[in-house]
N, C-alpha and C. Protein backbone atom coordinates (compact mmCIF):
# COMPACT_ATOMS: atom_id res chain seq x y z
N MET A 1 1.03 -1.46 -0.03
CA MET A 1 -0.20 -0.29 -0.35
C MET A 1 0.69 1.22 0.08
N PHE A 2 2.25 1.36 0.94
CA PHE A 2 2.74 2.50 0.87
C PHE A 2 3.85 2.62 -0.17
N GLY A 3 4.49 1.24 -0.46
CA GLY A 3 5.04 1.44 -1.58
C GLY A 3 4.77 1.87 -3.16
N LYS A 4 3.56 2.23 -3.24
CA LYS A 4 2.93 2.59 -4.59
C LYS A 4 3.22 4.48 -4.69
N ARG A 5 3.33 4.60 -3.42
CA ARG A 5 3.37 6.22 -3.25
C ARG A 5 4.79 6.82 -3.78
N PRO A 6 4.74 7.91 -4.24
CA PRO A 6 6.21 8.15 -4.74
C PRO A 6 6.88 8.86 -3.19
N ILE A 7 8.30 8.52 -3.50
CA ILE A 7 9.14 8.85 -2.11
C ILE A 7 9.55 9.91 -1.78
N GLN A 8 9.42 10.66 -0.97
CA GLN A 8 9.43 11.85 -0.64
C GLN A 8 10.60 12.01 0.58
N LYS A 9 11.89 12.32 0.33
CA LYS A 9 12.91 12.66 1.03
C LYS A 9 12.57 13.88 2.18
N ARG A 10 12.56 13.74 3.41
CA ARG A 10 12.52 14.89 3.93
C ARG A 10 13.60 14.98 5.37
N PRO A 11 14.26 16.14 5.32
CA PRO A 11 15.18 16.40 6.47
C PRO A 11 14.32 16.10 7.80
N THR A 12 15.37 15.14 8.70
CA THR A 12 14.73 15.04 10.02
C THR A 12 14.51 16.48 10.63
N LEU A 13 15.57 17.60 10.59
CA LEU A 13 15.24 18.47 11.27
C LEU A 13 14.16 19.37 10.82
N CYS A 14 13.73 18.69 9.90
CA CYS A 14 12.50 19.58 8.97
C CYS A 14 10.96 18.82 9.48
N LEU A 15 11.18 17.78 10.01
CA LEU A 15 9.84 17.08 10.38
C LEU A 15 8.48 17.96 11.58
N LEU A 16 9.25 18.65 12.39
CA LEU A 16 8.67 19.26 13.30
C LEU A 16 9.00 20.98 13.08
N PRO A 17 8.45 21.90 11.97
CA PRO A 17 9.02 22.83 12.06
C PRO A 17 8.83 23.74 12.85
N THR A 18 7.57 23.86 13.61
CA THR A 18 6.68 24.62 14.53
C THR A 18 7.12 24.00 15.62
N ALA A 19 7.67 23.27 16.12
CA ALA A 19 7.54 22.58 17.55
C ALA A 19 8.98 23.37 18.25
N HIS A 20 9.94 23.50 17.40
CA HIS A 20 11.28 24.32 17.94
C HIS A 20 10.78 25.72 18.48
N ARG A 21 10.32 26.45 17.64
CA ARG A 21 9.79 27.59 17.77
C ARG A 21 8.72 27.64 19.02
N GLN A 22 7.63 26.98 18.83
CA GLN A 22 6.54 26.96 20.08
C GLN A 22 7.62 26.71 21.40
N LEU A 23 8.32 25.67 21.36
CA LEU A 23 8.55 25.81 22.70
C LEU A 23 9.35 26.74 22.99
N TYR A 24 10.19 27.40 22.28
CA TYR A 24 10.95 28.57 22.70
C TYR A 24 10.27 29.33 23.06
N SER A 25 8.94 29.69 22.52
CA SER A 25 8.30 30.80 23.20
C SER A 25 7.97 30.15 24.01
N VAL A 26 7.23 29.35 24.24
CA VAL A 26 6.86 28.83 25.56
C VAL A 26 7.43 29.19 26.68
N SER A 27 8.91 28.57 26.13
CA SER A 27 9.84 28.76 27.70
C SER A 27 10.32 30.35 27.71
N CYS A 28 9.87 31.24 26.46
CA CYS A 28 10.48 32.61 26.84
C CYS A 28 9.30 33.20 27.44
N LEU A 29 8.15 32.76 27.25
CA LEU A 29 6.66 33.21 28.32
C LEU A 29 6.92 32.70 29.70
N LEU A 30 7.41 31.74 30.08
CA LEU A 30 7.29 31.21 31.18
C LEU A 30 8.47 31.70 32.15
N TYR A 31 9.41 32.19 31.49
CA TYR A 31 10.99 32.59 32.06
C TYR A 31 10.13 34.29 32.49
N SER A 32 9.35 35.06 31.57
CA SER A 32 9.03 36.08 31.82
C SER A 32 8.03 36.61 32.69
N VAL A 33 7.23 35.45 33.29
CA VAL A 33 6.39 35.43 33.87
C VAL A 33 7.07 35.71 35.31
N ARG A 34 8.18 35.36 35.57
CA ARG A 34 8.42 35.69 36.93
C ARG A 34 8.78 37.37 37.42
N ALA A 35 8.62 37.93 36.26
CA ALA A 35 8.47 39.76 36.96
C ALA A 35 6.85 40.32 36.84
N LEU A 36 5.66 39.13 36.53
CA LEU A 36 4.76 39.39 37.29
C LEU A 36 4.21 39.23 38.65
N PRO A 37 3.40 40.13 38.98
CA PRO A 37 2.98 39.92 40.55
C PRO A 37 2.44 38.57 40.83
N THR A 38 2.62 37.96 41.84
CA THR A 38 2.57 36.31 42.11
C THR A 38 0.77 36.36 42.03
N THR A 39 -0.14 36.97 42.24
CA THR A 39 -1.57 36.61 41.68
C THR A 39 -1.66 36.46 40.22
N PHE A 40 -1.37 37.19 39.95
CA PHE A 40 -1.78 37.39 38.31
C PHE A 40 -0.64 36.23 37.47
N LYS A 41 0.85 36.12 38.62
CA LYS A 41 1.58 35.11 37.76
C LYS A 41 1.33 33.77 37.89
N ARG A 42 0.46 33.56 39.19
CA ARG A 42 -0.18 32.47 39.13
C ARG A 42 -1.47 31.73 38.13
N ILE A 43 -2.24 33.04 37.68
CA ILE A 43 -3.42 33.14 36.75
C ILE A 43 -2.97 32.50 35.37
N VAL A 44 -1.56 33.11 34.90
CA VAL A 44 -1.19 33.07 33.88
C VAL A 44 -0.75 32.04 33.58
N LEU A 45 -0.24 30.91 34.73
CA LEU A 45 0.14 29.76 34.76
C LEU A 45 -0.48 28.78 34.35
N LEU A 46 -1.78 28.89 35.34
CA LEU A 46 -2.79 28.20 35.51
C LEU A 46 -3.39 27.96 34.20
N THR A 47 -3.43 29.21 33.78
CA THR A 47 -4.48 29.43 32.27
C THR A 47 -3.76 28.61 31.23
N THR A 48 -2.24 28.93 31.26
CA THR A 48 -1.47 28.06 30.07
C THR A 48 -1.58 26.58 30.13
N PHE A 49 -1.44 26.44 31.53
CA PHE A 49 -1.59 24.96 31.66
C PHE A 49 -2.95 24.72 31.47
N ALA A 50 -4.16 24.89 31.52
CA ALA A 50 -5.48 24.59 31.18
C ALA A 50 -5.27 24.40 29.51
N VAL A 51 -4.90 25.39 28.80
CA VAL A 51 -4.89 25.27 27.65
C VAL A 51 -3.76 24.11 27.06
N TYR A 52 -3.03 24.07 27.66
CA TYR A 52 -2.28 22.82 27.07
C TYR A 52 -2.74 21.37 27.54
N LEU A 53 -3.56 21.36 28.53
CA LEU A 53 -3.99 19.86 28.58
C LEU A 53 -5.65 19.84 27.59
N ALA A 54 -5.94 21.15 27.09
CA ALA A 54 -7.11 21.03 26.21
C ALA A 54 -6.69 20.23 25.06
N VAL A 55 -5.40 20.93 24.40
CA VAL A 55 -4.70 20.55 23.06
C VAL A 55 -4.53 19.34 23.41
N ALA A 56 -3.80 18.63 24.54
CA ALA A 56 -3.46 17.30 24.71
C ALA A 56 -4.23 16.37 24.67
N ALA A 57 -5.73 16.98 25.20
CA ALA A 57 -7.10 16.10 24.99
C ALA A 57 -7.60 15.94 23.81
N ALA A 58 -7.51 17.13 23.17
CA ALA A 58 -7.85 17.19 21.58
C ALA A 58 -6.90 16.25 20.66
N LEU A 59 -5.53 15.92 20.80
CA LEU A 59 -4.93 15.24 20.15
C LEU A 59 -4.76 13.63 20.71
N THR A 60 -5.34 13.38 21.95
CA THR A 60 -5.20 11.95 22.52
C THR A 60 -7.14 11.30 22.55
N VAL A 61 -7.90 12.33 23.08
CA VAL A 61 -8.84 11.59 23.63
C VAL A 61 -9.98 12.11 22.58
N VAL A 62 -10.19 13.33 23.03
CA VAL A 62 -11.48 14.23 22.20
C VAL A 62 -11.44 13.62 20.99
N PRO A 63 -12.67 13.18 20.14
CA PRO A 63 -13.03 12.50 19.08
C PRO A 63 -13.12 13.79 17.73
N THR A 64 -11.67 13.91 17.40
CA THR A 64 -11.80 15.17 16.28
C THR A 64 -10.86 14.91 15.29
N HIS A 65 -10.74 15.45 14.45
CA HIS A 65 -9.94 15.37 13.19
C HIS A 65 -8.31 15.46 13.44
N LEU A 66 -8.04 16.11 14.49
CA LEU A 66 -6.91 16.24 14.95
C LEU A 66 -5.95 14.62 15.62
N SER A 67 -6.98 13.94 15.89
CA SER A 67 -6.26 12.59 16.65
C SER A 67 -5.65 12.16 15.17
N ARG A 68 -5.87 12.32 13.85
CA ARG A 68 -5.55 11.67 12.81
C ARG A 68 -4.01 11.98 12.46
N VAL A 69 -3.21 12.58 13.31
CA VAL A 69 -1.99 13.10 13.06
C VAL A 69 -1.11 11.83 14.03
N ARG A 70 -1.57 11.26 14.44
CA ARG A 70 -1.05 9.99 15.46
C ARG A 70 -0.30 9.10 14.65
N SER A 71 -1.41 8.26 14.14
CA SER A 71 -0.90 7.15 13.51
C SER A 71 -1.99 6.46 12.46
N LEU A 72 -1.16 6.10 11.18
CA LEU A 72 -2.18 5.55 10.01
C LEU A 72 -2.87 4.31 10.82
N GLN A 73 -2.38 3.53 11.61
CA GLN A 73 -3.10 2.30 12.17
C GLN A 73 -3.70 2.68 13.40
N SER A 74 -4.57 3.32 13.31
CA SER A 74 -5.50 3.66 14.41
C SER A 74 -6.47 2.77 15.51
N ALA A 75 -6.44 1.50 14.83
CA ALA A 75 -6.96 0.55 15.41
C ALA A 75 -5.92 -0.99 15.90
N HIS A 76 -4.87 -0.40 16.23
CA HIS A 76 -3.84 -1.43 16.77
C HIS A 76 -3.52 -1.51 17.89
N ILE A 77 -3.16 -2.32 18.79
CA ILE A 77 -3.28 -2.18 20.34
C ILE A 77 -1.73 -3.16 20.34
N ASN A 78 -0.80 -2.60 21.06
CA ASN A 78 0.45 -3.02 21.13
C ASN A 78 0.76 -2.75 22.94
N LEU A 79 0.96 -3.96 23.16
CA LEU A 79 1.53 -3.89 24.66
C LEU A 79 3.12 -4.54 25.24
N THR A 80 3.77 -4.62 23.88
CA THR A 80 5.20 -5.08 23.75
C THR A 80 5.75 -3.89 23.53
N PRO A 81 6.87 -3.55 24.62
CA PRO A 81 7.93 -1.82 24.78
C PRO A 81 8.80 -2.28 23.39
N PHE A 82 8.31 -1.17 22.70
CA PHE A 82 8.75 -0.81 21.50
C PHE A 82 8.61 -1.73 20.27
N ASP A 83 8.02 -2.65 20.41
CA ASP A 83 7.24 -3.44 19.34
C ASP A 83 6.74 -2.75 17.68
N TYR A 84 5.96 -2.21 18.04
CA TYR A 84 5.12 -1.14 16.89
C TYR A 84 6.39 -0.21 16.45
N SER A 85 7.04 0.44 17.33
CA SER A 85 7.96 1.50 16.97
C SER A 85 8.91 1.08 15.81
N TYR A 86 9.51 -0.47 16.74
CA TYR A 86 10.65 -1.33 16.10
C TYR A 86 10.27 -1.82 14.58
N ARG A 87 9.02 -2.29 14.47
CA ARG A 87 8.29 -2.87 13.19
C ARG A 87 8.18 -1.31 12.16
N CYS A 88 7.81 -0.29 12.78
CA CYS A 88 7.73 0.69 11.92
C CYS A 88 9.02 1.24 11.22
N TYR A 89 9.73 1.42 12.18
CA TYR A 89 10.93 1.86 11.58
C TYR A 89 11.77 0.63 10.57
N ARG A 90 11.86 -0.75 10.86
CA ARG A 90 12.28 -1.73 10.10
C ARG A 90 11.38 -1.72 8.64
N ASP A 91 10.22 -1.66 8.74
CA ASP A 91 9.47 -1.19 7.40
C ASP A 91 9.87 -0.13 6.80
N ALA A 92 10.16 0.76 7.34
CA ALA A 92 10.55 2.43 6.97
C ALA A 92 11.80 2.02 6.18
N PHE A 93 12.58 1.64 6.72
CA PHE A 93 13.95 1.49 5.91
C PHE A 93 14.25 0.27 5.28
N GLY A 94 13.08 -0.47 5.04
CA GLY A 94 12.82 -1.83 4.49
C GLY A 94 12.12 -1.66 3.07
N THR A 95 11.07 -2.19 3.43
CA THR A 95 9.73 -2.16 2.04
C THR A 95 9.20 -0.93 1.96
N TYR A 96 8.84 -0.53 2.92
CA TYR A 96 8.15 0.75 2.76
C TYR A 96 8.88 2.32 3.21
N ARG A 97 9.46 2.74 2.45
CA ARG A 97 10.76 3.61 2.83
C ARG A 97 9.73 5.15 2.67
N ASP A 98 8.75 5.13 2.36
CA ASP A 98 8.24 6.69 2.55
C ASP A 98 7.44 6.69 3.83
N LEU A 99 7.50 5.19 4.66
CA LEU A 99 6.85 5.56 5.91
C LEU A 99 7.56 6.01 6.98
N LYS A 100 9.09 6.42 6.23
CA LYS A 100 9.82 7.05 7.43
C LYS A 100 9.20 8.15 8.16
N PHE A 101 9.08 9.03 7.21
CA PHE A 101 8.34 10.31 8.22
C PHE A 101 7.25 9.81 8.89
N VAL A 102 6.28 9.49 8.66
CA VAL A 102 5.23 8.90 9.67
C VAL A 102 5.92 7.87 11.14
N CYS A 103 6.89 7.38 10.89
CA CYS A 103 7.60 6.59 12.51
C CYS A 103 8.41 7.93 13.11
N VAL A 104 9.05 8.67 12.19
CA VAL A 104 9.72 9.49 13.11
C VAL A 104 8.96 10.63 13.57
N ARG A 105 7.91 11.26 13.06
CA ARG A 105 7.04 11.97 13.14
C ARG A 105 5.97 11.56 14.61
N ASN A 106 5.69 10.21 14.91
CA ASN A 106 4.78 9.39 16.04
C ASN A 106 6.24 9.52 17.11
N THR A 107 7.22 9.36 16.67
CA THR A 107 8.04 9.51 18.04
C THR A 107 8.18 10.67 18.46
N LEU A 108 8.97 11.62 17.65
CA LEU A 108 9.04 12.90 18.38
C LEU A 108 7.67 13.84 18.39
N GLY A 109 6.59 13.28 17.84
CA GLY A 109 5.41 13.67 18.46
C GLY A 109 4.85 13.43 20.00
N ASN A 110 5.30 11.84 20.47
CA ASN A 110 4.73 11.39 21.67
C ASN A 110 5.65 12.37 22.50
N ILE A 111 6.74 12.29 22.19
CA ILE A 111 8.07 12.95 22.95
C ILE A 111 7.38 14.66 23.60
N ALA A 112 7.02 15.32 22.11
CA ALA A 112 6.91 16.46 22.19
C ALA A 112 5.85 16.77 22.79
N LEU A 113 4.88 15.92 23.28
CA LEU A 113 3.26 16.39 23.81
C LEU A 113 3.56 16.33 25.22
N PHE A 114 4.38 15.49 25.67
CA PHE A 114 4.40 15.89 27.23
C PHE A 114 5.73 16.77 27.89
N LEU A 115 6.52 17.29 26.64
CA LEU A 115 7.39 18.07 26.95
C LEU A 115 6.98 19.18 27.85
N LEU A 116 6.11 20.28 27.80
CA LEU A 116 5.07 21.23 28.24
C LEU A 116 4.73 20.63 29.57
N LEU A 117 4.61 19.49 29.93
CA LEU A 117 3.85 18.88 31.13
C LEU A 117 5.06 18.70 32.14
N GLY A 118 6.10 18.39 31.48
CA GLY A 118 7.56 18.27 32.37
C GLY A 118 7.81 19.86 32.91
N MET A 119 7.92 20.62 32.23
CA MET A 119 8.27 22.13 32.58
C MET A 119 7.11 22.90 33.45
N MET A 120 5.85 22.71 33.14
CA MET A 120 5.10 23.31 33.93
C MET A 120 4.63 22.39 35.47
N LEU A 121 4.91 21.41 35.37
CA LEU A 121 4.81 20.65 36.93
C LEU A 121 5.42 21.68 38.02
N PRO A 122 6.47 21.60 38.04
CA PRO A 122 7.29 22.29 38.98
C PRO A 122 6.84 23.70 39.00
N LEU A 123 6.35 24.51 37.99
CA LEU A 123 5.74 25.57 37.67
C LEU A 123 4.78 25.86 38.63
N ILE A 124 3.85 25.01 38.71
CA ILE A 124 2.36 25.14 39.32
C ILE A 124 2.65 24.61 40.65
N SER A 125 3.50 23.77 40.75
CA SER A 125 3.32 23.02 42.34
C SER A 125 4.47 22.88 42.96
N ASN A 126 4.98 23.67 43.86
CA ASN A 126 6.10 23.46 44.55
C ASN A 126 6.34 21.90 45.09
N ARG A 127 5.37 21.03 45.02
CA ARG A 127 5.22 19.49 45.55
C ARG A 127 5.76 18.69 44.78
N ILE A 128 5.93 19.43 43.37
CA ILE A 128 6.51 18.37 42.02
C ILE A 128 7.69 19.05 41.57
N GLN A 129 8.70 19.01 42.60
CA GLN A 129 9.92 19.66 42.25
C GLN A 129 11.37 18.94 42.03
N THR A 130 11.04 17.72 41.89
CA THR A 130 12.00 16.23 41.60
C THR A 130 11.79 15.38 40.31
N LEU A 131 12.64 15.00 39.51
CA LEU A 131 12.48 13.99 38.58
C LEU A 131 11.46 12.89 38.87
N LYS A 132 11.91 12.21 39.98
CA LYS A 132 10.74 11.47 40.25
C LYS A 132 9.24 11.41 40.70
N ARG A 133 9.06 12.55 40.83
CA ARG A 133 7.46 13.11 41.10
C ARG A 133 7.13 13.57 39.56
N VAL A 134 7.73 14.27 38.77
CA VAL A 134 7.42 14.57 37.46
C VAL A 134 7.20 13.27 36.76
N PHE A 135 7.98 12.11 36.78
CA PHE A 135 7.88 10.61 36.00
C PHE A 135 6.57 10.30 36.70
N VAL A 136 6.30 10.23 37.74
CA VAL A 136 5.26 9.25 38.39
C VAL A 136 4.00 10.22 37.84
N VAL A 137 3.69 11.38 37.59
CA VAL A 137 2.64 11.98 37.24
C VAL A 137 2.58 11.84 35.81
N ALA A 138 3.77 12.08 35.23
CA ALA A 138 3.72 11.84 33.89
C ALA A 138 3.37 10.43 33.23
N ILE A 139 3.66 9.21 33.94
CA ILE A 139 3.71 8.05 33.36
C ILE A 139 2.05 7.64 33.74
N LEU A 140 1.62 8.19 34.92
CA LEU A 140 0.36 7.72 35.24
C LEU A 140 -0.84 8.24 34.58
N LEU A 141 -0.74 9.74 34.13
CA LEU A 141 -1.29 10.51 33.18
C LEU A 141 -1.56 9.89 31.72
N ALA A 142 0.14 9.29 31.48
CA ALA A 142 0.12 8.77 30.01
C ALA A 142 -0.58 7.27 30.03
N ILE A 143 -0.68 6.74 31.11
CA ILE A 143 -1.35 5.28 30.97
C ILE A 143 -2.84 5.61 31.20
N SER A 144 -3.57 6.86 31.80
CA SER A 144 -4.63 7.02 31.85
C SER A 144 -5.15 7.52 30.38
N ILE A 145 -4.27 8.27 29.35
CA ILE A 145 -4.91 8.22 28.40
C ILE A 145 -4.71 6.96 27.26
N GLU A 146 -4.02 5.99 27.73
CA GLU A 146 -3.83 4.86 26.62
C GLU A 146 -5.38 4.32 27.05
N ALA A 147 -5.68 4.20 28.23
CA ALA A 147 -6.72 3.51 29.04
C ALA A 147 -8.19 4.20 28.28
N THR A 148 -8.37 5.54 28.45
CA THR A 148 -9.01 5.78 27.90
C THR A 148 -9.34 5.89 26.38
N GLN A 149 -8.25 5.72 25.56
CA GLN A 149 -8.59 5.29 24.09
C GLN A 149 -9.04 4.01 23.97
N PHE A 150 -8.77 3.05 24.92
CA PHE A 150 -9.26 1.70 24.51
C PHE A 150 -10.56 1.92 25.07
N VAL A 151 -10.90 2.57 25.88
CA VAL A 151 -12.66 2.60 26.48
C VAL A 151 -13.06 3.12 25.32
N LEU A 152 -12.65 3.86 24.48
CA LEU A 152 -13.29 4.81 23.40
C LEU A 152 -13.72 4.00 22.36
N ARG A 153 -12.71 2.89 22.12
CA ARG A 153 -13.02 2.00 20.75
C ARG A 153 -14.21 1.50 21.09
N PHE A 154 -14.80 1.15 22.14
CA PHE A 154 -16.26 0.75 22.00
C PHE A 154 -17.22 1.20 21.82
N VAL A 155 -17.05 3.01 21.28
CA VAL A 155 -17.97 3.58 21.57
C VAL A 155 -18.11 4.22 20.09
N GLY A 156 -17.11 3.47 18.94
CA GLY A 156 -17.24 3.97 17.92
C GLY A 156 -16.16 5.07 17.47
N ASN A 157 -14.94 5.20 18.41
CA ASN A 157 -13.92 6.39 18.40
C ASN A 157 -12.80 5.46 18.36
N PRO A 158 -12.36 4.52 17.51
CA PRO A 158 -11.05 3.74 17.43
C PRO A 158 -9.62 4.67 17.27
N ARG A 159 -9.12 3.99 18.52
CA ARG A 159 -7.44 4.79 18.97
C ARG A 159 -6.78 3.65 18.80
N ALA A 160 -5.30 3.87 18.46
CA ALA A 160 -4.13 3.16 18.60
C ALA A 160 -4.01 3.15 20.55
N VAL A 161 -4.10 2.01 21.02
CA VAL A 161 -3.68 1.93 22.01
C VAL A 161 -1.91 1.20 22.14
N ASP A 162 -0.78 1.92 22.81
CA ASP A 162 0.66 1.40 22.55
C ASP A 162 1.00 1.79 23.57
N ILE A 163 1.73 0.76 24.29
CA ILE A 163 2.92 0.81 25.40
C ILE A 163 3.78 2.06 25.11
N ASP A 164 4.23 1.74 23.73
CA ASP A 164 5.57 2.80 22.94
C ASP A 164 5.19 4.26 23.86
N ASP A 165 3.56 4.42 23.48
CA ASP A 165 2.96 5.77 23.73
C ASP A 165 3.35 6.48 25.08
N VAL A 166 3.23 5.39 26.07
CA VAL A 166 3.32 5.61 27.40
C VAL A 166 5.15 5.96 27.42
N ILE A 167 5.63 5.31 27.16
CA ILE A 167 7.11 5.53 27.36
C ILE A 167 7.71 6.75 26.82
N LEU A 168 7.05 6.99 25.47
CA LEU A 168 7.99 8.50 24.95
C LEU A 168 7.26 9.53 25.46
N ASN A 169 5.89 9.43 25.95
CA ASN A 169 5.26 10.60 26.81
C ASN A 169 6.15 10.70 27.81
N THR A 170 6.18 9.67 28.85
CA THR A 170 7.12 10.07 29.85
C THR A 170 8.07 10.34 29.47
N LEU A 171 9.15 10.18 28.73
CA LEU A 171 10.05 10.50 28.08
C LEU A 171 10.45 12.21 27.88
N GLY A 172 9.22 12.52 27.30
CA GLY A 172 8.94 13.66 27.01
C GLY A 172 8.97 14.92 28.28
N ALA A 173 8.25 14.14 29.29
CA ALA A 173 8.17 14.98 30.66
C ALA A 173 8.93 15.17 31.17
N CYS A 174 9.99 13.97 31.24
CA CYS A 174 11.27 14.10 32.04
C CYS A 174 12.31 15.34 31.53
N LEU A 175 12.25 14.88 29.90
CA LEU A 175 13.50 15.93 29.28
C LEU A 175 12.71 17.11 29.11
N GLY A 176 11.41 17.50 29.65
CA GLY A 176 10.84 18.74 29.45
C GLY A 176 11.51 19.34 31.19
N PHE A 177 11.23 18.55 32.02
CA PHE A 177 11.99 18.70 33.24
C PHE A 177 13.21 19.33 33.28
N GLY A 178 13.86 18.35 32.72
CA GLY A 178 15.05 18.84 32.44
C GLY A 178 15.68 20.19 31.98
N PHE A 179 14.71 20.60 30.77
CA PHE A 179 14.84 21.96 30.54
C PHE A 179 14.56 23.08 31.54
N TYR A 180 13.32 22.52 32.29
CA TYR A 180 13.40 23.91 33.44
C TYR A 180 14.28 23.67 34.54
N LYS A 181 14.85 22.53 34.80
CA LYS A 181 16.06 23.06 35.46
C LYS A 181 16.96 23.79 34.89
N SER A 182 17.57 23.27 34.12
CA SER A 182 18.55 24.21 33.32
C SER A 182 18.22 25.48 33.08
N PHE A 183 17.32 25.87 32.34
CA PHE A 183 16.97 27.20 32.44
C PHE A 183 15.98 28.01 32.99
N LEU A 184 15.12 27.04 34.05
CA LEU A 184 14.06 27.85 34.58
C LEU A 184 14.43 27.82 36.25
N GLY A 185 15.23 26.50 36.39
CA GLY A 185 15.86 26.02 37.85
C GLY A 185 15.51 27.39 38.70
N GLY A 186 16.22 28.36 38.63
CA GLY A 186 16.27 29.58 39.72
C GLY A 186 14.63 30.05 40.21
N TYR A 187 13.76 29.42 39.43
CA TYR A 187 12.53 30.12 39.84
C TYR A 187 11.40 29.01 40.24
N GLY A 188 11.18 29.45 41.15
CA GLY A 188 10.48 28.68 42.22
C GLY A 188 8.99 28.33 42.13
N GLY A 189 8.41 28.93 40.84
CA GLY A 189 7.00 28.58 40.56
C GLY A 189 6.05 29.80 41.23
N ALA A 190 4.85 29.95 40.47
CA ALA A 190 4.24 30.74 41.10
C ALA A 190 3.42 30.69 42.51
N GLY A 191 3.74 29.32 42.86
CA GLY A 191 2.95 29.32 44.11
C GLY A 191 4.11 29.61 45.17
N ALA A 192 5.70 29.95 45.25
CA ALA A 192 6.37 29.63 46.00
C ALA A 192 6.19 30.53 47.22
N ALA A 193 5.99 31.81 46.93
CA ALA A 193 5.28 32.46 48.23
C ALA A 193 4.37 32.16 48.98
N GLU A 194 3.31 31.71 48.11
CA GLU A 194 1.95 31.50 49.10
C GLU A 194 2.71 29.91 49.87
N ASP A 195 3.06 29.57 49.36
CA ASP A 195 3.64 28.04 50.18
C ASP A 195 4.50 28.31 51.30
N GLY A 196 5.62 29.28 50.83
CA GLY A 196 6.35 29.96 51.77
C GLY A 196 5.75 30.24 53.19
N GLU A 197 4.81 31.05 52.75
CA GLU A 197 4.02 31.62 53.93
C GLU A 197 3.32 30.57 54.56
N ALA A 198 2.51 29.54 54.06
CA ALA A 198 1.89 28.82 55.01
C ALA A 198 3.09 27.75 55.75
N ILE A 199 4.02 27.48 55.09
CA ILE A 199 4.82 26.63 55.97
C ILE A 199 5.48 27.53 57.00
N ARG A 200 5.63 28.77 56.87
CA ARG A 200 6.22 29.64 58.23
C ARG A 200 4.61 29.92 59.05
N ALA A 201 3.77 29.56 58.65
CA ALA A 201 2.58 30.05 59.45
C ALA A 201 2.35 28.65 60.16
N ALA A 202 2.72 27.43 59.79
CA ALA A 202 2.57 26.20 60.60
C ALA A 202 3.91 25.75 61.43
N VAL A 203 5.01 26.80 61.50
CA VAL A 203 5.91 26.39 62.31
C VAL A 203 5.81 27.11 63.75
N PRO A 204 5.66 26.49 64.89
CA PRO A 204 5.45 27.67 65.75
C PRO A 204 6.38 28.51 66.62
N ALA A 205 5.94 29.15 66.88
CA ALA A 205 7.08 30.28 67.02
C ALA A 205 8.19 29.66 68.02
N ASP A 206 7.74 29.11 69.00
CA ASP A 206 8.83 28.52 69.98
C ASP A 206 9.81 28.01 69.21
N SER A 207 9.45 26.95 68.58
CA SER A 207 10.54 26.61 67.85
C SER A 207 11.43 27.30 66.78
N THR A 208 11.01 28.63 66.27
CA THR A 208 12.10 29.55 65.85
C THR A 208 12.90 29.84 66.65
N ASP A 209 12.38 30.60 68.25
CA ASP A 209 13.34 31.04 69.18
C ASP A 209 14.24 29.88 69.30
N SER A 210 13.65 28.33 69.51
CA SER A 210 14.90 27.57 70.00
C SER A 210 15.91 27.46 69.22
N GLU A 211 15.53 27.61 67.70
CA GLU A 211 16.80 27.48 66.61
C GLU A 211 17.64 28.75 67.20
N GLU A 212 17.09 29.83 67.06
CA GLU A 212 17.91 30.85 67.48
C GLU A 212 18.77 30.82 68.70
N VAL A 213 18.47 30.29 69.61
CA VAL A 213 19.10 30.15 70.72
C VAL A 213 20.32 28.99 70.75
């Protein structure tokens, strides 16, 4: 089926021409948020996060035409790690060479989908400031998405259920957290001031005096 199409060679760096720009724009936005008042800062971050979740839902769960960017085989189920990805690249570099773009797009797309999640989780919550916690939230969310996609298959909305998506989504979140620590690590998030005040209020005055003594 794929072999009858004319082969189109596309440089890997041009596969997602807008993804790098969007990530750069979002990172600049998040970095500049530091100058805003605390209350407004938190509103901006939560609004950005809500918009991101809505877009992620449109791409993975909501039955819209946007879901077609995920995979040509929307009905397949794969529970073996990297089995589908391996077969995709094997066929792309073997029988169906024009399938290469689809394979790379699927891989990079799943990674990019959770990049912003890994960046924003430590910004909106001081309780998620470690790679371990970002990893846990990301993998639980990715599993929830795949489980929802599986259920939707029974209501006329076929979706690909793939363990590779869970792995790549989680990897994307971890990379996003690494980006946050590298470029935004000095910024404790919108709720840092509120959480700091709450902690100080919870500490008895006597303990503070005893420490000073």
